[in-house]
C-alpha atoms as a PDB file:
ATOM      1  CA  UNK A   1    -137.999 -66.495 -63.652  1.00  0.00           C
ATOM      2  CA  UNK A   2    -137.207 -64.112 -60.863  1.00  0.00           C
ATOM      3  CA  UNK A   3    -139.981 -63.158 -58.450  1.00  0.00           C
ATOM      4  CA  UNK A   4    -139.600 -60.620 -55.668  1.00  0.00           C
ATOM      5  CA  UNK A   5    -141.316 -61.839 -52.509  1.00  0.00           C
ATOM      6  CA  UNK A   6    -141.861 -60.550 -49.001  1.00  0.00           C
ATOM      7  CA  UNK A   7    -139.674 -62.576 -46.627  1.00  0.00           C
ATOM      8  CA  UNK A   8    -140.811 -60.780 -43.480  1.00  0.00           C
ATOM      9  CA  UNK A   9    -139.005 -61.973 -40.345  1.00  0.00           C
ATOM     10  CA  UNK A  10    -141.674 -60.469 -38.058  1.00  0.00           C
ATOM     11  CA  UNK A  11    -139.237 -58.183 -36.255  1.00  0.00           C
ATOM     12  CA  UNK A  12    -142.085 -56.218 -34.697  1.00  0.00           C
ATOM     13  CA  UNK A  13    -141.142 -52.963 -36.423  1.00  0.00           C
ATOM     14  CA  UNK A  14    -143.250 -51.359 -39.150  1.00  0.00           C
ATOM     15  CA  UNK A  15    -142.323 -52.376 -42.692  1.00  0.00           C
ATOM     16  CA  UNK A  16    -140.456 -49.700 -44.629  1.00  0.00           C
ATOM     17  CA  UNK A  17    -139.346 -49.733 -48.251  1.00  0.00           C
ATOM     18  CA  UNK A  18    -135.725 -49.874 -47.067  1.00  0.00           C
ATOM     19  CA  UNK A  19    -136.248 -53.197 -45.250  1.00  0.00           C
ATOM     20  CA  UNK A  20    -133.982 -55.857 -46.863  1.00  0.00           C
ATOM     21  CA  UNK A  21    -136.669 -58.531 -46.360  1.00  0.00           C
ATOM     22  CA  UNK A  22    -139.479 -56.664 -48.115  1.00  0.00           C
ATOM     23  CA  UNK A  23    -138.555 -57.496 -51.720  1.00  0.00           C
ATOM     24  CA  UNK A  24    -136.239 -60.514 -51.798  1.00  0.00           C
ATOM     25  CA  UNK A  25    -135.476 -62.106 -55.189  1.00  0.00           C
ATOM     26  CA  UNK A  26    -136.444 -65.784 -55.524  1.00  0.00           C
ATOM     27  CA  UNK A  27    -135.383 -67.762 -58.586  1.00  0.00           C
ATOM     28  CA  UNK A  28    -137.763 -70.294 -60.158  1.00  0.00           C
ATOM     29  CA  UNK A  29    -137.282 -72.566 -63.158  1.00  0.00           C
ATOM     30  CA  UNK A  30    -139.729 -71.698 -65.965  1.00  0.00           C
ATOM     31  CA  UNK A  31    -140.201 -75.384 -66.811  1.00  0.00           C
ATOM     32  CA  UNK A  32    -140.469 -77.292 -63.500  1.00  0.00           C
ATOM     33  CA  UNK A  33    -141.389 -74.236 -61.374  1.00  0.00           C
ATOM     34  CA  UNK A  34    -139.066 -75.324 -58.549  1.00  0.00           C
ATOM     35  CA  UNK A  35    -137.102 -72.716 -56.606  1.00  0.00           C
ATOM     36  CA  UNK A  36    -133.357 -72.774 -57.192  1.00  0.00           C
ATOM     37  CA  UNK A  37    -130.442 -71.029 -55.538  1.00  0.00           C
ATOM     38  CA  UNK A  38    -129.365 -67.679 -56.920  1.00  0.00           C
ATOM     39  CA  UNK A  39    -127.055 -68.059 -59.876  1.00  0.00           C
ATOM     40  CA  UNK A  40    -128.345 -71.490 -60.865  1.00  0.00           C
ATOM     41  CA  UNK A  41    -130.794 -70.424 -63.550  1.00  0.00           C
ATOM     42  CA  UNK A  42    -129.691 -70.625 -67.172  1.00  0.00           C
ATOM     43  CA  UNK A  43    -131.266 -69.024 -70.219  1.00  0.00           C
ATOM     44  CA  UNK A  44    -132.116 -71.627 -72.831  1.00  0.00           C
ATOM     45  CA  UNK A  45    -134.651 -71.515 -75.678  1.00  0.00           C
ATOM     46  CA  UNK A  46    -136.016 -68.204 -74.442  1.00  0.00           C
ATOM     47  CA  UNK A  47    -136.680 -69.474 -70.908  1.00  0.00           C
ATOM     48  CA  UNK A  48    -134.830 -69.419 -67.597  1.00  0.00           C
ATOM     49  CA  UNK A  49    -134.332 -73.020 -66.507  1.00  0.00           C
ATOM     50  CA  UNK A  50    -132.486 -75.069 -63.934  1.00  0.00           C
ATOM     51  CA  UNK A  51    -129.674 -77.288 -65.164  1.00  0.00           C
ATOM     52  CA  UNK A  52    -131.729 -80.485 -64.745  1.00  0.00           C
ATOM     53  CA  UNK A  53    -134.458 -79.186 -67.071  1.00  0.00           C
ATOM     54  CA  UNK A  54    -131.920 -78.058 -69.654  1.00  0.00           C
ATOM     55  CA  UNK A  55    -130.371 -81.542 -69.625  1.00  0.00           C
ATOM     56  CA  UNK A  56    -133.815 -82.997 -70.378  1.00  0.00           C
ATOM     57  CA  UNK A  57    -134.173 -80.684 -73.391  1.00  0.00           C
ATOM     58  CA  UNK A  58    -130.807 -81.527 -74.981  1.00  0.00           C
ATOM     59  CA  UNK A  59    -130.406 -84.563 -77.229  1.00  0.00           C
ATOM     60  CA  UNK A  60    -128.155 -87.310 -75.913  1.00  0.00           C
ATOM     61  CA  UNK A  61    -125.242 -88.377 -78.122  1.00  0.00           C
ATOM     62  CA  UNK A  62    -124.115 -91.964 -77.555  1.00  0.00           C
ATOM     63  CA  UNK A  63    -120.989 -93.641 -78.884  1.00  0.00           C
ATOM     64  CA  UNK A  64    -122.934 -96.409 -80.662  1.00  0.00           C
ATOM     65  CA  UNK A  65    -124.648 -93.743 -82.799  1.00  0.00           C
ATOM     66  CA  UNK A  66    -121.398 -93.384 -84.737  1.00  0.00           C
END
């Protein structure tokens, strides 16, 4: 999920809507809720997840199964 948060740097000036720190996108995995870097969320099964959580969801295929 993407949440827009206030990342104020306390510059001492009044906050304006044009401030780049007022609404900064933060990316969180829908499953583990941890924050991930931009571009590292993947849509899977209707959710936005980090790669580690997607790996947990996928079945593992092993050579001895064949």
